[in-house]
PDB file of N, CA and C in Angstrom:
ATOM      1  N   MET A   1      -1.886  25.002  13.775  1.00  0.00           N
ATOM      2  CA  MET A   1      -1.707  24.464  12.415  1.00  0.00           C
ATOM      3  C   MET A   1      -0.218  24.488  12.086  1.00  0.00           C
ATOM      4  N   ARG A   2       0.216  23.375  11.506  1.00  0.00           N
ATOM      5  CA  ARG A   2       1.615  23.287  11.166  1.00  0.00           C
ATOM      6  C   ARG A   2       1.759  22.626   9.815  1.00  0.00           C
ATOM      7  N   GLY A   3       2.809  22.993   9.102  1.00  0.00           N
ATOM      8  CA  GLY A   3       3.215  22.286   7.901  1.00  0.00           C
ATOM      9  C   GLY A   3       2.234  22.394   6.785  1.00  0.00           C
ATOM     10  N   PHE A   4       1.890  21.263   6.227  1.00  0.00           N
ATOM     11  CA  PHE A   4       1.019  21.224   5.016  1.00  0.00           C
ATOM     12  C   PHE A   4      -0.347  21.756   5.291  1.00  0.00           C
ATOM     13  N   ILE A   5      -0.904  21.462   6.420  1.00  0.00           N
ATOM     14  CA  ILE A   5      -2.269  21.930   6.767  1.00  0.00           C
ATOM     15  C   ILE A   5      -2.318  23.457   6.740  1.00  0.00           C
ATOM     16  N   GLN A   6      -1.288  24.093   7.270  1.00  0.00           N
ATOM     17  CA  GLN A   6      -1.288  25.579   7.301  1.00  0.00           C
ATOM     18  C   GLN A   6      -1.217  26.127   5.883  1.00  0.00           C
ATOM     19  N   ILE A   7      -0.395  25.543   5.031  1.00  0.00           N
ATOM     20  CA  ILE A   7      -0.283  26.026   3.607  1.00  0.00           C
ATOM     21  C   ILE A   7      -1.617  25.728   2.934  1.00  0.00           C
ATOM     22  N   GLN A   8      -2.202  24.588   3.125  1.00  0.00           N
ATOM     23  CA  GLN A   8      -3.474  24.247   2.496  1.00  0.00           C
ATOM     24  C   GLN A   8      -4.544  25.225   2.909  1.00  0.00           C
ATOM     25  N   GLU A   9      -4.600  25.591   4.180  1.00  0.00           N
ATOM     26  CA  GLU A   9      -5.596  26.527   4.692  1.00  0.00           C
ATOM     27  C   GLU A   9      -5.420  27.904   4.065  1.00  0.00           C
ATOM     28  N   MET A  10      -4.166  28.370   3.961  1.00  0.00           N
ATOM     29  CA  MET A  10      -3.924  29.664   3.337  1.00  0.00           C
ATOM     30  C   MET A  10      -4.310  29.696   1.846  1.00  0.00           C
ATOM     31  N   VAL A  11      -4.021  28.595   1.125  1.00  0.00           N
ATOM     32  CA  VAL A  11      -4.381  28.519  -0.320  1.00  0.00           C
ATOM     33  C   VAL A  11      -5.910  28.534  -0.424  1.00  0.00           C
ATOM     34  N   GLU A  12      -6.588  27.731   0.395  1.00  0.00           N
ATOM     35  CA  GLU A  12      -8.058  27.652   0.314  1.00  0.00           C
ATOM     36  C   GLU A  12      -8.706  29.032   0.610  1.00  0.00           C
ATOM     37  N   ARG A  13      -8.166  29.726   1.604  1.00  0.00           N
ATOM     38  CA  ARG A  13      -8.662  31.066   1.919  1.00  0.00           C
ATOM     39  C   ARG A  13      -8.452  32.049   0.806  1.00  0.00           C
ATOM     40  N   ALA A  14      -7.299  31.960   0.115  1.00  0.00           N
ATOM     41  CA  ALA A  14      -7.000  32.855  -1.030  1.00  0.00           C
ATOM     42  C   ALA A  14      -7.921  32.543  -2.189  1.00  0.00           C
ATOM     43  N   ILE A  15      -8.190  31.284  -2.439  1.00  0.00           N
ATOM     44  CA  ILE A  15      -9.095  30.875  -3.559  1.00  0.00           C
ATOM     45  C   ILE A  15     -10.503  31.405  -3.226  1.00  0.00           C
ATOM     46  N   ILE A  16     -10.962  31.202  -1.999  1.00  0.00           N
ATOM     47  CA  ILE A  16     -12.316  31.694  -1.616  1.00  0.00           C
ATOM     48  C   ILE A  16     -12.393  33.217  -1.797  1.00  0.00           C
ATOM     49  N   LYS A  17     -11.329  33.924  -1.374  1.00  0.00           N
ATOM     50  CA  LYS A  17     -11.323  35.380  -1.480  1.00  0.00           C
ATOM     51  C   LYS A  17     -11.340  35.793  -2.957  1.00  0.00           C
ATOM     52  N   LEU A  18     -10.666  35.086  -3.834  1.00  0.00           N
ATOM     53  CA  LEU A  18     -10.646  35.438  -5.258  1.00  0.00           C
ATOM     54  C   LEU A  18     -12.038  35.209  -5.845  1.00  0.00           C
ATOM     55  N   HIS A  19     -12.668  34.061  -5.507  1.00  0.00           N
ATOM     56  CA  HIS A  19     -13.988  33.753  -6.104  1.00  0.00           C
ATOM     57  C   HIS A  19     -15.121  34.610  -5.574  1.00  0.00           C
ATOM     58  N   THR A  20     -15.067  34.911  -4.280  1.00  0.00           N
ATOM     59  CA  THR A  20     -16.204  35.658  -3.706  1.00  0.00           C
ATOM     60  C   THR A  20     -15.934  37.164  -3.697  1.00  0.00           C
ATOM     61  N   GLY A  21     -14.691  37.584  -3.692  1.00  0.00           N
ATOM     62  CA  GLY A  21     -14.350  38.993  -3.710  1.00  0.00           C
ATOM     63  C   GLY A  21     -14.516  39.690  -2.377  1.00  0.00           C
ATOM     64  N   SER A  22     -14.751  38.894  -1.317  1.00  0.00           N
ATOM     65  CA  SER A  22     -14.841  39.517  -0.014  1.00  0.00           C
ATOM     66  C   SER A  22     -14.042  38.736   1.034  1.00  0.00           C
ATOM     67  N   ASN A  23     -13.792  39.425   2.163  1.00  0.00           N
ATOM     68  CA  ASN A  23     -13.037  38.791   3.240  1.00  0.00           C
ATOM     69  C   ASN A  23     -13.954  38.128   4.268  1.00  0.00           C
ATOM     70  N   MET A  24     -15.230  38.053   3.947  1.00  0.00           N
ATOM     71  CA  MET A  24     -16.187  37.576   4.929  1.00  0.00           C
ATOM     72  C   MET A  24     -15.890  36.094   5.310  1.00  0.00           C
ATOM     73  N   TYR A  25     -15.603  35.249   4.360  1.00  0.00           N
ATOM     74  CA  TYR A  25     -15.356  33.849   4.662  1.00  0.00           C
ATOM     75  C   TYR A  25     -13.918  33.611   5.100  1.00  0.00           C
ATOM     76  N   THR A  26     -13.023  34.473   4.686  1.00  0.00           N
ATOM     77  CA  THR A  26     -11.597  34.243   5.038  1.00  0.00           C
ATOM     78  C   THR A  26     -11.285  34.732   6.445  1.00  0.00           C
ATOM     79  N   ASN A  27     -12.144  35.491   7.081  1.00  0.00           N
ATOM     80  CA  ASN A  27     -11.893  35.950   8.437  1.00  0.00           C
ATOM     81  C   ASN A  27     -12.418  34.974   9.493  1.00  0.00           C
ATOM     82  N   MET A  28     -13.094  33.926   9.059  1.00  0.00           N
ATOM     83  CA  MET A  28     -13.604  32.943  10.017  1.00  0.00           C
ATOM     84  C   MET A  28     -12.459  32.132  10.579  1.00  0.00           C
ATOM     85  N   PRO A  29     -12.506  31.877  11.865  1.00  0.00           N
ATOM     86  CA  PRO A  29     -11.435  31.045  12.460  1.00  0.00           C
ATOM     87  C   PRO A  29     -11.613  29.589  12.057  1.00  0.00           C
ATOM     88  N   SER A  30     -10.513  28.889  11.915  1.00  0.00           N
ATOM     89  CA  SER A  30     -10.593  27.465  11.613  1.00  0.00           C
ATOM     90  C   SER A  30     -10.120  26.690  12.832  1.00  0.00           C
ATOM     91  N   ASN A  31     -10.927  25.764  13.248  1.00  0.00           N
ATOM     92  CA  ASN A  31     -10.581  24.940  14.402  1.00  0.00           C
ATOM     93  C   ASN A  31     -10.186  23.560  13.914  1.00  0.00           C
ATOM     94  N   LEU A  32      -8.908  23.278  14.021  1.00  0.00           N
ATOM     95  CA  LEU A  32      -8.401  21.977  13.582  1.00  0.00           C
ATOM     96  C   LEU A  32      -7.776  21.266  14.798  1.00  0.00           C
ATOM     97  N   GLN A  33      -7.955  20.000  14.814  1.00  0.00           N
ATOM     98  CA  GLN A  33      -7.329  19.192  15.863  1.00  0.00           C
ATOM     99  C   GLN A  33      -6.893  17.870  15.252  1.00  0.00           C
ATOM    100  N   MET A  34      -5.885  17.288  15.844  1.00  0.00           N
ATOM    101  CA  MET A  34      -5.359  16.024  15.346  1.00  0.00           C
ATOM    102  C   MET A  34      -6.349  14.927  15.598  1.00  0.00           C
ATOM    103  N   MET A  35      -6.380  13.984  14.654  1.00  0.00           N
ATOM    104  CA  MET A  35      -7.251  12.826  14.807  1.00  0.00           C
ATOM    105  C   MET A  35      -6.625  11.881  15.859  1.00  0.00           C
ATOM    106  N   PRO A  36      -7.398  11.422  16.783  1.00  0.00           N
ATOM    107  CA  PRO A  36      -6.827  10.554  17.812  1.00  0.00           C
ATOM    108  C   PRO A  36      -6.416   9.188  17.236  1.00  0.00           C
ATOM    109  N   ALA A  37      -5.290   8.697  17.634  1.00  0.00           N
ATOM    110  CA  ALA A  37      -4.761   7.466  17.152  1.00  0.00           C
ATOM    111  C   ALA A  37      -4.293   6.646  18.360  1.00  0.00           C
ATOM    112  N   THR A  38      -4.248   5.342  18.172  1.00  0.00           N
ATOM    113  CA  THR A  38      -3.750   4.489  19.269  1.00  0.00           C
ATOM    114  C   THR A  38      -2.246   4.625  19.381  1.00  0.00           C
ATOM    115  N   TYR A  39      -1.747   4.383  20.502  1.00  0.00           N
ATOM    116  CA  TYR A  39      -0.303   4.467  20.699  1.00  0.00           C
ATOM    117  C   TYR A  39       0.421   3.275  20.076  1.00  0.00           C
ATOM    118  N   TYR A  40       1.643   3.480  19.755  1.00  0.00           N
ATOM    119  CA  TYR A  40       2.419   2.422  19.070  1.00  0.00           C
ATOM    120  C   TYR A  40       2.852   1.393  20.088  1.00  0.00           C
ATOM    121  N   LYS A  41       2.591   0.139  19.755  1.00  0.00           N
ATOM    122  CA  LYS A  41       2.994  -0.937  20.626  1.00  0.00           C
ATOM    123  C   LYS A  41       3.807  -1.940  19.796  1.00  0.00           C
ATOM    124  N   ASP A  42       4.994  -2.290  20.271  1.00  0.00           N
ATOM    125  CA  ASP A  42       5.833  -3.209  19.531  1.00  0.00           C
ATOM    126  C   ASP A  42       5.260  -4.615  19.623  1.00  0.00           C
ATOM    127  N   ASP A  43       5.083  -5.229  18.467  1.00  0.00           N
ATOM    128  CA  ASP A  43       4.526  -6.600  18.439  1.00  0.00           C
ATOM    129  C   ASP A  43       5.671  -7.584  18.317  1.00  0.00           C
ATOM    130  N   VAL A  44       5.875  -8.362  19.283  1.00  0.00           N
ATOM    131  CA  VAL A  44       7.007  -9.322  19.263  1.00  0.00           C
ATOM    132  C   VAL A  44       6.773 -10.453  18.309  1.00  0.00           C
ATOM    133  N   ILE A  45       5.548 -10.880  18.143  1.00  0.00           N
ATOM    134  CA  ILE A  45       5.270 -12.000  17.256  1.00  0.00           C
ATOM    135  C   ILE A  45       5.488 -11.599  15.803  1.00  0.00           C
ATOM    136  N   MET A  46       5.033 -10.399  15.416  1.00  0.00           N
ATOM    137  CA  MET A  46       5.278  -9.944  14.058  1.00  0.00           C
ATOM    138  C   MET A  46       6.731  -9.614  13.819  1.00  0.00           C
ATOM    139  N   GLY A  47       7.439  -9.238  14.839  1.00  0.00           N
ATOM    140  CA  GLY A  47       8.872  -9.025  14.701  1.00  0.00           C
ATOM    141  C   GLY A  47       9.625 -10.321  14.409  1.00  0.00           C
ATOM    142  N   PHE A  48       9.027 -11.442  14.807  1.00  0.00           N
ATOM    143  CA  PHE A  48       9.617 -12.714  14.470  1.00  0.00           C
ATOM    144  C   PHE A  48       9.087 -13.277  13.144  1.00  0.00           C
ATOM    145  N   VAL A  49       7.826 -13.081  12.898  1.00  0.00           N
ATOM    146  CA  VAL A  49       7.200 -13.649  11.685  1.00  0.00           C
ATOM    147  C   VAL A  49       7.753 -13.044  10.410  1.00  0.00           C
ATOM    148  N   TYR A  50       7.827 -11.734  10.317  1.00  0.00           N
ATOM    149  CA  TYR A  50       8.242 -11.093   9.071  1.00  0.00           C
ATOM    150  C   TYR A  50       9.667 -11.445   8.657  1.00  0.00           C
ATOM    151  N   PRO A  51      10.677 -11.288   9.535  1.00  0.00           N
ATOM    152  CA  PRO A  51      12.001 -11.570   9.039  1.00  0.00           C
ATOM    153  C   PRO A  51      12.341 -13.081   8.938  1.00  0.00           C
ATOM    154  N   CYS A  52      11.624 -13.939   9.648  1.00  0.00           N
ATOM    155  CA  CYS A  52      12.030 -15.341   9.682  1.00  0.00           C
ATOM    156  C   CYS A  52      11.113 -16.273   8.876  1.00  0.00           C
ATOM    157  N   ILE A  53       9.797 -16.156   9.115  1.00  0.00           N
ATOM    158  CA  ILE A  53       8.874 -17.144   8.538  1.00  0.00           C
ATOM    159  C   ILE A  53       8.426 -16.731   7.134  1.00  0.00           C
ATOM    160  N   VAL A  54       8.191 -15.496   6.879  1.00  0.00           N
ATOM    161  CA  VAL A  54       7.662 -15.052   5.581  1.00  0.00           C
ATOM    162  C   VAL A  54       8.675 -15.416   4.425  1.00  0.00           C
ATOM    163  N   PRO A  55       9.968 -15.176   4.550  1.00  0.00           N
ATOM    164  CA  PRO A  55      10.848 -15.603   3.500  1.00  0.00           C
ATOM    165  C   PRO A  55      10.863 -17.093   3.207  1.00  0.00           C
ATOM    166  N   VAL A  56      10.722 -17.921   4.288  1.00  0.00           N
ATOM    167  CA  VAL A  56      10.690 -19.347   4.117  1.00  0.00           C
ATOM    168  C   VAL A  56       9.433 -19.766   3.399  1.00  0.00           C
ATOM    169  N   VAL A  57       8.304 -19.210   3.751  1.00  0.00           N
ATOM    170  CA  VAL A  57       7.053 -19.561   3.098  1.00  0.00           C
ATOM    171  C   VAL A  57       7.046 -19.161   1.633  1.00  0.00           C
ATOM    172  N   MET A  58       7.618 -17.974   1.336  1.00  0.00           N
ATOM    173  CA  MET A  58       7.663 -17.516  -0.058  1.00  0.00           C
ATOM    174  C   MET A  58       8.606 -18.397  -0.874  1.00  0.00           C
ATOM    175  N   THR A  59       9.689 -18.819  -0.300  1.00  0.00           N
ATOM    176  CA  THR A  59      10.627 -19.728  -1.007  1.00  0.00           C
ATOM    177  C   THR A  59       9.981 -21.052  -1.267  1.00  0.00           C
ATOM    178  N   LEU A  60       9.306 -21.631  -0.293  1.00  0.00           N
ATOM    179  CA  LEU A  60       8.618 -22.887  -0.505  1.00  0.00           C
ATOM    180  C   LEU A  60       7.511 -22.774  -1.579  1.00  0.00           C
ATOM    181  N   ALA A  61       6.759 -21.696  -1.575  1.00  0.00           N
ATOM    182  CA  ALA A  61       5.693 -21.492  -2.525  1.00  0.00           C
ATOM    183  C   ALA A  61       6.323 -21.369  -3.961  1.00  0.00           C
ATOM    184  N   TRP A  62       7.457 -20.696  -4.071  1.00  0.00           N
ATOM    185  CA  TRP A  62       8.121 -20.587  -5.384  1.00  0.00           C
ATOM    186  C   TRP A  62       8.640 -21.964  -5.817  1.00  0.00           C
ATOM    187  N   MET A  63       9.182 -22.744  -4.922  1.00  0.00           N
ATOM    188  CA  MET A  63       9.708 -24.090  -5.252  1.00  0.00           C
ATOM    189  C   MET A  63       8.614 -24.992  -5.718  1.00  0.00           C
ATOM    190  N   PHE A  64       7.447 -25.007  -5.050  1.00  0.00           N
ATOM    191  CA  PHE A  64       6.355 -25.843  -5.433  1.00  0.00           C
ATOM    192  C   PHE A  64       5.808 -25.446  -6.787  1.00  0.00           C
ATOM    193  N   ALA A  65       5.744 -24.147  -7.068  1.00  0.00           N
ATOM    194  CA  ALA A  65       5.234 -23.674  -8.361  1.00  0.00           C
ATOM    195  C   ALA A  65       6.173 -24.072  -9.495  1.00  0.00           C
ATOM    196  N   VAL A  66       7.479 -23.952  -9.310  1.00  0.00           N
ATOM    197  CA  VAL A  66       8.458 -24.337 -10.295  1.00  0.00           C
ATOM    198  C   VAL A  66       8.446 -25.844 -10.500  1.00  0.00           C
ATOM    199  N   ALA A  67       8.361 -26.584  -9.400  1.00  0.00           N
ATOM    200  CA  ALA A  67       8.287 -28.079  -9.529  1.00  0.00           C
ATOM    201  C   ALA A  67       7.052 -28.523 -10.284  1.00  0.00           C
ATOM    202  N   HIS A  68       5.934 -27.867 -10.053  1.00  0.00           N
ATOM    203  CA  HIS A  68       4.730 -28.240 -10.810  1.00  0.00           C
ATOM    204  C   HIS A  68       4.873 -27.918 -12.273  1.00  0.00           C
ATOM    205  N   CYS A  69       5.442 -26.812 -12.600  1.00  0.00           N
ATOM    206  CA  CYS A  69       5.639 -26.444 -14.030  1.00  0.00           C
ATOM    207  C   CYS A  69       6.595 -27.441 -14.695  1.00  0.00           C
ATOM    208  N   ILE A  70       7.657 -27.841 -14.031  1.00  0.00           N
ATOM    209  CA  ILE A  70       8.626 -28.801 -14.576  1.00  0.00           C
ATOM    210  C   ILE A  70       7.936 -30.117 -14.752  1.00  0.00           C
ATOM    211  N   LYS A  71       7.139 -30.563 -13.798  1.00  0.00           N
ATOM    212  CA  LYS A  71       6.401 -31.832 -13.904  1.00  0.00           C
ATOM    213  C   LYS A  71       5.445 -31.849 -15.066  1.00  0.00           C
ATOM    214  N   THR A  72       4.753 -30.723 -15.268  1.00  0.00           N
ATOM    215  CA  THR A  72       3.763 -30.642 -16.371  1.00  0.00           C
ATOM    216  C   THR A  72       4.479 -30.678 -17.723  1.00  0.00           C
ATOM    217  N   ILE A  73       5.541 -29.912 -17.853  1.00  0.00           N
ATOM    218  CA  ILE A  73       6.284 -29.869 -19.121  1.00  0.00           C
ATOM    219  C   ILE A  73       6.911 -31.242 -19.414  1.00  0.00           C
ATOM    220  N   THR A  74       7.445 -31.902 -18.422  1.00  0.00           N
ATOM    221  CA  THR A  74       8.009 -33.237 -18.605  1.00  0.00           C
ATOM    222  C   THR A  74       6.937 -34.232 -19.020  1.00  0.00           C
ATOM    223  N   SER A  75       5.794 -34.187 -18.364  1.00  0.00           N
ATOM    224  CA  SER A  75       4.767 -35.163 -18.750  1.00  0.00           C
ATOM    225  C   SER A  75       4.214 -34.909 -20.177  1.00  0.00           C
ATOM    226  N   TYR A  76       4.192 -33.655 -20.600  1.00  0.00           N
ATOM    227  CA  TYR A  76       3.797 -33.349 -21.975  1.00  0.00           C
ATOM    228  C   TYR A  76       4.791 -33.912 -22.977  1.00  0.00           C
ATOM    229  N   ARG A  77       6.077 -33.774 -22.660  1.00  0.00           N
ATOM    230  CA  ARG A  77       7.118 -34.312 -23.545  1.00  0.00           C
ATOM    231  C   ARG A  77       7.128 -35.831 -23.575  1.00  0.00           C
ATOM    232  N   GLU A  78       6.881 -36.448 -22.395  1.00  0.00           N
ATOM    233  CA  GLU A  78       6.868 -37.902 -22.374  1.00  0.00           C
ATOM    234  C   GLU A  78       5.708 -38.526 -23.131  1.00  0.00           C
ATOM    235  N   THR A  79       4.539 -37.924 -23.031  1.00  0.00           N
ATOM    236  CA  THR A  79       3.385 -38.440 -23.744  1.00  0.00           C
ATOM    237  C   THR A  79       3.260 -38.034 -25.184  1.00  0.00           C
ATOM    238  N   GLY A  80       4.103 -37.100 -25.588  1.00  0.00           N
ATOM    239  CA  GLY A  80       4.072 -36.630 -26.965  1.00  0.00           C
ATOM    240  C   GLY A  80       3.043 -35.606 -27.272  1.00  0.00           C
ATOM    241  N   LEU A  81       2.431 -35.015 -26.293  1.00  0.00           N
ATOM    242  CA  LEU A  81       1.386 -34.010 -26.481  1.00  0.00           C
ATOM    243  C   LEU A  81       2.001 -32.713 -27.000  1.00  0.00           C
ATOM    244  N   GLU A  82       3.277 -32.498 -26.710  1.00  0.00           N
ATOM    245  CA  GLU A  82       3.945 -31.238 -27.167  1.00  0.00           C
ATOM    246  C   GLU A  82       4.027 -31.229 -28.689  1.00  0.00           C
ATOM    247  N   GLU A  83       4.352 -32.378 -29.282  1.00  0.00           N
ATOM    248  CA  GLU A  83       4.499 -32.433 -30.746  1.00  0.00           C
ATOM    249  C   GLU A  83       3.130 -32.353 -31.394  1.00  0.00           C
ATOM    250  N   VAL A  84       2.069 -32.925 -30.749  1.00  0.00           N
ATOM    251  CA  VAL A  84       0.734 -32.904 -31.342  1.00  0.00           C
ATOM    252  C   VAL A  84       0.203 -31.462 -31.361  1.00  0.00           C
ATOM    253  N   CYS A  85       0.434 -30.713 -30.290  1.00  0.00           N
ATOM    254  CA  CYS A  85      -0.114 -29.354 -30.197  1.00  0.00           C
ATOM    255  C   CYS A  85       0.635 -28.364 -31.098  1.00  0.00           C
ATOM    256  N   ALA A  86       1.926 -28.640 -31.377  1.00  0.00           N
ATOM    257  CA  ALA A  86       2.729 -27.710 -32.132  1.00  0.00           C
ATOM    258  C   ALA A  86       2.476 -27.778 -33.644  1.00  0.00           C
TER     259      ALA A  86
END
């Protein structure tokens, strides 16, 4: 046990000892093991996609949204709907 897990185990044992008043539960051994995880593998495609393609896609999406808003506002002003609604 290392780091946070060790501190957490000690605190839990102290709380159990305070509530039960006996060392019966605190003397039990705790068997902990790390959860298995897959090994880290560098992904070349994502290394290209994130720094290169994602900013371009976000910029294009922002440009299309702004262009649509400008087109809608301009069409409202040209047809006179803005004065009617106000």
